[in-house]
PDB file of N, CA and C in Angstrom:
ATOM      1  N   MET A   1      95.297 107.195 114.806  1.00  0.00           N
ATOM      2  CA  MET A   1      95.412 106.203 113.749  1.00  0.00           C
ATOM      3  C   MET A   1      94.036 105.736 113.295  1.00  0.00           C
ATOM      4  N   SER A   2      93.105 105.590 114.240  1.00  0.00           N
ATOM      5  CA  SER A   2      91.772 105.123 113.858  1.00  0.00           C
ATOM      6  C   SER A   2      91.032 106.150 113.010  1.00  0.00           C
ATOM      7  N   ALA A   3      91.428 107.425 113.095  1.00  0.00           N
ATOM      8  CA  ALA A   3      90.791 108.446 112.257  1.00  0.00           C
ATOM      9  C   ALA A   3      91.107 108.227 110.787  1.00  0.00           C
ATOM     10  N   LEU A   4      92.252 107.608 110.492  1.00  0.00           N
ATOM     11  CA  LEU A   4      92.600 107.326 109.101  1.00  0.00           C
ATOM     12  C   LEU A   4      91.706 106.257 108.497  1.00  0.00           C
ATOM     13  N   PHE A   5      91.245 105.342 109.326  1.00  0.00           N
ATOM     14  CA  PHE A   5      90.462 104.210 108.834  1.00  0.00           C
ATOM     15  C   PHE A   5      89.052 104.244 109.415  1.00  0.00           C
ATOM     16  N   GLU A   6      88.316 105.306 109.099  1.00  0.00           N
ATOM     17  CA  GLU A   6      86.965 105.417 109.623  1.00  0.00           C
ATOM     18  C   GLU A   6      86.022 104.419 108.972  1.00  0.00           C
ATOM     19  N   SER A   7      86.320 103.993 107.770  1.00  0.00           N
ATOM     20  CA  SER A   7      85.482 102.996 107.114  1.00  0.00           C
ATOM     21  C   SER A   7      86.276 101.716 106.918  1.00  0.00           C
ATOM     22  N   ASP A   8      85.567 100.614 106.850  1.00  0.00           N
ATOM     23  CA  ASP A   8      86.219  99.337 106.595  1.00  0.00           C
ATOM     24  C   ASP A   8      86.869  99.333 105.218  1.00  0.00           C
ATOM     25  N   GLN A   9      86.240 100.011 104.271  1.00  0.00           N
ATOM     26  CA  GLN A   9      86.758 100.043 102.900  1.00  0.00           C
ATOM     27  C   GLN A   9      88.151 100.671 102.857  1.00  0.00           C
ATOM     28  N   ALA A  10      88.359 101.762 103.580  1.00  0.00           N
ATOM     29  CA  ALA A  10      89.678 102.405 103.608  1.00  0.00           C
ATOM     30  C   ALA A  10      90.718 101.474 104.220  1.00  0.00           C
ATOM     31  N   PHE A  11      90.323 100.741 105.243  1.00  0.00           N
ATOM     32  CA  PHE A  11      91.228  99.780 105.870  1.00  0.00           C
ATOM     33  C   PHE A  11      91.617  98.690 104.881  1.00  0.00           C
ATOM     34  N   TYR A  12      90.650  98.176 104.133  1.00  0.00           N
ATOM     35  CA  TYR A  12      90.935  97.125 103.154  1.00  0.00           C
ATOM     36  C   TYR A  12      91.830  97.640 102.026  1.00  0.00           C
ATOM     37  N   TYR A  13      91.622  98.876 101.604  1.00  0.00           N
ATOM     38  CA  TYR A  13      92.506  99.462 100.590  1.00  0.00           C
ATOM     39  C   TYR A  13      93.935  99.567 101.118  1.00  0.00           C
ATOM     40  N   ALA A  14      94.085  99.977 102.364  1.00  0.00           N
ATOM     41  CA  ALA A  14      95.423 100.105 102.955  1.00  0.00           C
ATOM     42  C   ALA A  14      96.104  98.747 103.069  1.00  0.00           C
ATOM     43  N   ILE A  15      95.371  97.725 103.468  1.00  0.00           N
ATOM     44  CA  ILE A  15      95.940  96.380 103.570  1.00  0.00           C
ATOM     45  C   ILE A  15      96.339  95.873 102.185  1.00  0.00           C
ATOM     46  N   GLY A  16      95.493  96.100 101.185  1.00  0.00           N
ATOM     47  CA  GLY A  16      95.820  95.683  99.823  1.00  0.00           C
ATOM     48  C   GLY A  16      97.065  96.379  99.295  1.00  0.00           C
ATOM     49  N   ALA A  17      97.179  97.676  99.551  1.00  0.00           N
ATOM     50  CA  ALA A  17      98.356  98.425  99.093  1.00  0.00           C
ATOM     51  C   ALA A  17      99.619  97.957  99.805  1.00  0.00           C
ATOM     52  N   SER A  18      99.514  97.693 101.104  1.00  0.00           N
ATOM     53  CA  SER A  18     100.702  97.230 101.828  1.00  0.00           C
ATOM     54  C   SER A  18     101.096  95.820 101.398  1.00  0.00           C
ATOM     55  N   THR A  19     100.126  94.973 101.080  1.00  0.00           N
ATOM     56  CA  THR A  19     100.430  93.634 100.580  1.00  0.00           C
ATOM     57  C   THR A  19     101.148  93.716  99.237  1.00  0.00           C
ATOM     58  N   PHE A  20     100.670  94.588  98.358  1.00  0.00           N
ATOM     59  CA  PHE A  20     101.310  94.772  97.059  1.00  0.00           C
ATOM     60  C   PHE A  20     102.735  95.301  97.221  1.00  0.00           C
ATOM     61  N   ALA A  21     102.912  96.265  98.124  1.00  0.00           N
ATOM     62  CA  ALA A  21     104.251  96.814  98.367  1.00  0.00           C
ATOM     63  C   ALA A  21     105.186  95.744  98.926  1.00  0.00           C
ATOM     64  N   LEU A  22     104.683  94.918  99.829  1.00  0.00           N
ATOM     65  CA  LEU A  22     105.499  93.845 100.393  1.00  0.00           C
ATOM     66  C   LEU A  22     105.898  92.836  99.318  1.00  0.00           C
ATOM     67  N   PHE A  23     105.000  92.547  98.386  1.00  0.00           N
ATOM     68  CA  PHE A  23     105.315  91.647  97.281  1.00  0.00           C
ATOM     69  C   PHE A  23     106.439  92.222  96.424  1.00  0.00           C
ATOM     70  N   LEU A  24     106.354  93.508  96.106  1.00  0.00           N
ATOM     71  CA  LEU A  24     107.399  94.145  95.299  1.00  0.00           C
ATOM     72  C   LEU A  24     108.736  94.171  96.034  1.00  0.00           C
ATOM     73  N   VAL A  25     108.708  94.451  97.325  1.00  0.00           N
ATOM     74  CA  VAL A  25     109.944  94.440  98.114  1.00  0.00           C
ATOM     75  C   VAL A  25     110.526  93.030  98.143  1.00  0.00           C
ATOM     76  N   GLY A  26     109.676  92.034  98.309  1.00  0.00           N
ATOM     77  CA  GLY A  26     110.138  90.647  98.311  1.00  0.00           C
ATOM     78  C   GLY A  26     110.783  90.250  96.999  1.00  0.00           C
ATOM     79  N   LEU A  27     110.189  90.651  95.889  1.00  0.00           N
ATOM     80  CA  LEU A  27     110.799  90.369  94.586  1.00  0.00           C
ATOM     81  C   LEU A  27     112.140  91.080  94.440  1.00  0.00           C
ATOM     82  N   GLY A  28     112.216  92.301  94.932  1.00  0.00           N
ATOM     83  CA  GLY A  28     113.475  93.036  94.870  1.00  0.00           C
ATOM     84  C   GLY A  28     114.566  92.383  95.704  1.00  0.00           C
ATOM     85  N   VAL A  29     114.215  91.944  96.897  1.00  0.00           N
ATOM     86  CA  VAL A  29     115.185  91.261  97.759  1.00  0.00           C
ATOM     87  C   VAL A  29     115.623  89.954  97.120  1.00  0.00           C
ATOM     88  N   LEU A  30     114.681  89.223  96.551  1.00  0.00           N
ATOM     89  CA  LEU A  30     115.019  87.969  95.876  1.00  0.00           C
ATOM     90  C   LEU A  30     115.980  88.215  94.713  1.00  0.00           C
ATOM     91  N   ALA A  31     115.737  89.260  93.958  1.00  0.00           N
ATOM     92  CA  ALA A  31     116.615  89.578  92.827  1.00  0.00           C
ATOM     93  C   ALA A  31     118.007  90.003  93.292  1.00  0.00           C
ATOM     94  N   LEU A  32     118.078  90.710  94.412  1.00  0.00           N
ATOM     95  CA  LEU A  32     119.384  91.146  94.920  1.00  0.00           C
ATOM     96  C   LEU A  32     120.184  89.997  95.526  1.00  0.00           C
ATOM     97  N   LEU A  33     119.505  89.129  96.261  1.00  0.00           N
ATOM     98  CA  LEU A  33     120.208  88.045  96.945  1.00  0.00           C
ATOM     99  C   LEU A  33     120.603  86.909  96.017  1.00  0.00           C
ATOM    100  N   ASN A  34     119.781  86.661  95.009  1.00  0.00           N
ATOM    101  CA  ASN A  34     120.037  85.515  94.145  1.00  0.00           C
ATOM    102  C   ASN A  34     119.616  85.843  92.712  1.00  0.00           C
ATOM    103  N   PRO A  35     120.371  86.672  92.017  1.00  0.00           N
ATOM    104  CA  PRO A  35     119.948  87.096  90.681  1.00  0.00           C
ATOM    105  C   PRO A  35     119.885  85.964  89.657  1.00  0.00           C
ATOM    106  N   ASP A  36     120.679  84.911  89.834  1.00  0.00           N
ATOM    107  CA  ASP A  36     120.657  83.798  88.882  1.00  0.00           C
ATOM    108  C   ASP A  36     119.729  82.671  89.314  1.00  0.00           C
ATOM    109  N   GLY A  37     119.154  82.758  90.499  1.00  0.00           N
ATOM    110  CA  GLY A  37     118.394  81.641  91.050  1.00  0.00           C
ATOM    111  C   GLY A  37     116.943  81.566  90.623  1.00  0.00           C
ATOM    112  N   ILE A  38     116.402  82.602  90.029  1.00  0.00           N
ATOM    113  CA  ILE A  38     114.995  82.567  89.627  1.00  0.00           C
ATOM    114  C   ILE A  38     114.918  82.856  88.133  1.00  0.00           C
ATOM    115  N   GLY A  39     114.210  81.996  87.442  1.00  0.00           N
ATOM    116  CA  GLY A  39     114.070  82.151  86.005  1.00  0.00           C
ATOM    117  C   GLY A  39     112.789  82.864  85.637  1.00  0.00           C
ATOM    118  N   THR A  40     112.628  83.088  84.367  1.00  0.00           N
ATOM    119  CA  THR A  40     111.438  83.768  83.867  1.00  0.00           C
ATOM    120  C   THR A  40     110.184  82.963  84.155  1.00  0.00           C
ATOM    121  N   HIS A  41     110.293  81.652  84.039  1.00  0.00           N
ATOM    122  CA  HIS A  41     109.144  80.781  84.276  1.00  0.00           C
ATOM    123  C   HIS A  41     108.666  80.883  85.727  1.00  0.00           C
ATOM    124  N   GLU A  42     109.597  80.828  86.659  1.00  0.00           N
ATOM    125  CA  GLU A  42     109.241  80.919  88.071  1.00  0.00           C
ATOM    126  C   GLU A  42     108.696  82.301  88.423  1.00  0.00           C
ATOM    127  N   LEU A  43     109.350  83.331  87.886  1.00  0.00           N
ATOM    128  CA  LEU A  43     108.895  84.693  88.144  1.00  0.00           C
ATOM    129  C   LEU A  43     107.484  84.897  87.605  1.00  0.00           C
ATOM    130  N   GLY A  44     107.222  84.351  86.423  1.00  0.00           N
ATOM    131  CA  GLY A  44     105.870  84.426  85.866  1.00  0.00           C
ATOM    132  C   GLY A  44     104.857  83.742  86.763  1.00  0.00           C
ATOM    133  N   GLY A  45     105.236  82.605  87.332  1.00  0.00           N
ATOM    134  CA  GLY A  45     104.342  81.906  88.257  1.00  0.00           C
ATOM    135  C   GLY A  45     104.054  82.725  89.499  1.00  0.00           C
ATOM    136  N   PHE A  46     105.090  83.366  90.053  1.00  0.00           N
ATOM    137  CA  PHE A  46     104.890  84.232  91.220  1.00  0.00           C
ATOM    138  C   PHE A  46     103.942  85.377  90.900  1.00  0.00           C
ATOM    139  N   VAL A  47     104.179  86.024  89.769  1.00  0.00           N
ATOM    140  CA  VAL A  47     103.380  87.196  89.404  1.00  0.00           C
ATOM    141  C   VAL A  47     101.937  86.802  89.102  1.00  0.00           C
ATOM    142  N   VAL A  48     101.743  85.715  88.368  1.00  0.00           N
ATOM    143  CA  VAL A  48     100.379  85.265  88.058  1.00  0.00           C
ATOM    144  C   VAL A  48      99.659  84.838  89.334  1.00  0.00           C
ATOM    145  N   GLY A  49     100.342  84.103  90.196  1.00  0.00           N
ATOM    146  CA  GLY A  49      99.725  83.680  91.454  1.00  0.00           C
ATOM    147  C   GLY A  49      99.342  84.856  92.329  1.00  0.00           C
ATOM    148  N   PHE A  50     100.238  85.824  92.446  1.00  0.00           N
ATOM    149  CA  PHE A  50      99.927  87.007  93.242  1.00  0.00           C
ATOM    150  C   PHE A  50      98.809  87.812  92.593  1.00  0.00           C
ATOM    151  N   GLY A  51      98.810  87.880  91.268  1.00  0.00           N
ATOM    152  CA  GLY A  51      97.735  88.580  90.564  1.00  0.00           C
ATOM    153  C   GLY A  51      96.379  87.944  90.819  1.00  0.00           C
ATOM    154  N   LEU A  52      96.328  86.615  90.820  1.00  0.00           N
ATOM    155  CA  LEU A  52      95.069  85.929  91.127  1.00  0.00           C
ATOM    156  C   LEU A  52      94.622  86.211  92.557  1.00  0.00           C
ATOM    157  N   PHE A  53      95.585  86.232  93.481  1.00  0.00           N
ATOM    158  CA  PHE A  53      95.257  86.575  94.864  1.00  0.00           C
ATOM    159  C   PHE A  53      94.677  87.978  94.958  1.00  0.00           C
ATOM    160  N   MET A  54      95.298  88.942  94.285  1.00  0.00           N
ATOM    161  CA  MET A  54      94.814  90.320  94.345  1.00  0.00           C
ATOM    162  C   MET A  54      93.449  90.468  93.680  1.00  0.00           C
ATOM    163  N   VAL A  55      93.206  89.724  92.599  1.00  0.00           N
ATOM    164  CA  VAL A  55      91.880  89.759  91.966  1.00  0.00           C
ATOM    165  C   VAL A  55      90.827  89.246  92.936  1.00  0.00           C
ATOM    166  N   SER A  56      91.114  88.146  93.625  1.00  0.00           N
ATOM    167  CA  SER A  56      90.142  87.622  94.589  1.00  0.00           C
ATOM    168  C   SER A  56      89.944  88.595  95.744  1.00  0.00           C
ATOM    169  N   TYR A  57      90.991  89.291  96.147  1.00  0.00           N
ATOM    170  CA  TYR A  57      90.898  90.287  97.217  1.00  0.00           C
ATOM    171  C   TYR A  57      90.000  91.448  96.796  1.00  0.00           C
ATOM    172  N   VAL A  58      90.186  91.937  95.569  1.00  0.00           N
ATOM    173  CA  VAL A  58      89.366  93.047  95.072  1.00  0.00           C
ATOM    174  C   VAL A  58      87.917  92.610  94.905  1.00  0.00           C
ATOM    175  N   VAL A  59      87.692  91.399  94.410  1.00  0.00           N
ATOM    176  CA  VAL A  59      86.323  90.886  94.275  1.00  0.00           C
ATOM    177  C   VAL A  59      85.657  90.808  95.645  1.00  0.00           C
ATOM    178  N   ALA A  60      86.390  90.364  96.656  1.00  0.00           N
ATOM    179  CA  ALA A  60      85.831  90.299  98.007  1.00  0.00           C
ATOM    180  C   ALA A  60      85.463  91.691  98.513  1.00  0.00           C
ATOM    181  N   MET A  61      86.283  92.706  98.209  1.00  0.00           N
ATOM    182  CA  MET A  61      85.956  94.072  98.624  1.00  0.00           C
ATOM    183  C   MET A  61      84.708  94.578  97.910  1.00  0.00           C
ATOM    184  N   VAL A  62      84.583  94.270  96.627  1.00  0.00           N
ATOM    185  CA  VAL A  62      83.406  94.710  95.873  1.00  0.00           C
ATOM    186  C   VAL A  62      82.151  94.036  96.412  1.00  0.00           C
ATOM    187  N   VAL A  63      82.234  92.747  96.694  1.00  0.00           N
ATOM    188  CA  VAL A  63      81.084  92.030  97.245  1.00  0.00           C
ATOM    189  C   VAL A  63      80.722  92.596  98.611  1.00  0.00           C
ATOM    190  N   TYR A  64      81.723  92.920  99.418  1.00  0.00           N
ATOM    191  CA  TYR A  64      81.487  93.471 100.751  1.00  0.00           C
ATOM    192  C   TYR A  64      80.714  94.784 100.676  1.00  0.00           C
ATOM    193  N   ARG A  65      80.956  95.574  99.633  1.00  0.00           N
ATOM    194  CA  ARG A  65      80.246  96.850  99.483  1.00  0.00           C
ATOM    195  C   ARG A  65      78.756  96.650  99.261  1.00  0.00           C
ATOM    196  N   PHE A  66      78.371  95.505  98.696  1.00  0.00           N
ATOM    197  CA  PHE A  66      76.970  95.264  98.388  1.00  0.00           C
ATOM    198  C   PHE A  66      76.215  94.575  99.515  1.00  0.00           C
ATOM    199  N   VAL A  67      76.890  94.254 100.605  1.00  0.00           N
ATOM    200  CA  VAL A  67      76.225  93.629 101.745  1.00  0.00           C
ATOM    201  C   VAL A  67      75.408  94.704 102.452  1.00  0.00           C
ATOM    202  N   PRO A  68      74.094  94.473 102.599  1.00  0.00           N
ATOM    203  CA  PRO A  68      73.275  95.496 103.250  1.00  0.00           C
ATOM    204  C   PRO A  68      73.537  95.545 104.756  1.00  0.00           C
ATOM    205  N   GLY A  69      73.494  96.728 105.311  1.00  0.00           N
ATOM    206  CA  GLY A  69      73.666  96.890 106.753  1.00  0.00           C
ATOM    207  C   GLY A  69      75.107  96.741 107.179  1.00  0.00           C
ATOM    208  N   ASP A  70      75.284  96.457 108.454  1.00  0.00           N
ATOM    209  CA  ASP A  70      76.620  96.326 109.026  1.00  0.00           C
ATOM    210  C   ASP A  70      77.062  94.880 108.942  1.00  0.00           C
ATOM    211  N   ALA A  71      78.046  94.592 108.112  1.00  0.00           N
ATOM    212  CA  ALA A  71      78.516  93.218 107.929  1.00  0.00           C
ATOM    213  C   ALA A  71      79.307  92.731 109.131  1.00  0.00           C
ATOM    214  N   ASP A  72      79.807  93.633 109.985  1.00  0.00           N
ATOM    215  CA  ASP A  72      80.586  93.222 111.147  1.00  0.00           C
ATOM    216  C   ASP A  72      79.721  92.619 112.243  1.00  0.00           C
ATOM    217  N   SER A  73      78.431  92.851 112.211  1.00  0.00           N
ATOM    218  CA  SER A  73      77.561  92.338 113.268  1.00  0.00           C
ATOM    219  C   SER A  73      77.110  90.912 113.013  1.00  0.00           C
ATOM    220  N   VAL A  74      77.506  90.316 111.895  1.00  0.00           N
ATOM    221  CA  VAL A  74      77.095  88.949 111.558  1.00  0.00           C
ATOM    222  C   VAL A  74      77.838  87.962 112.404  1.00  0.00           C
TER     223      VAL A  74
END
């Protein structure tokens, strides 16, 4: 398993992809369990909030790439 994630960047990409997949699964479960319980306004809030989270996550990954040397030793 560690051979798949030889770099920190690959690990962060995998975590980001799994977080996105979990969000989509959660929205699907919410729609199946309670189709009338969530409106467009609330759904928009969920999507915008998650989008802001993912933007901050990607920005953190980009900043991490520019850190000189090994950032794990700090």
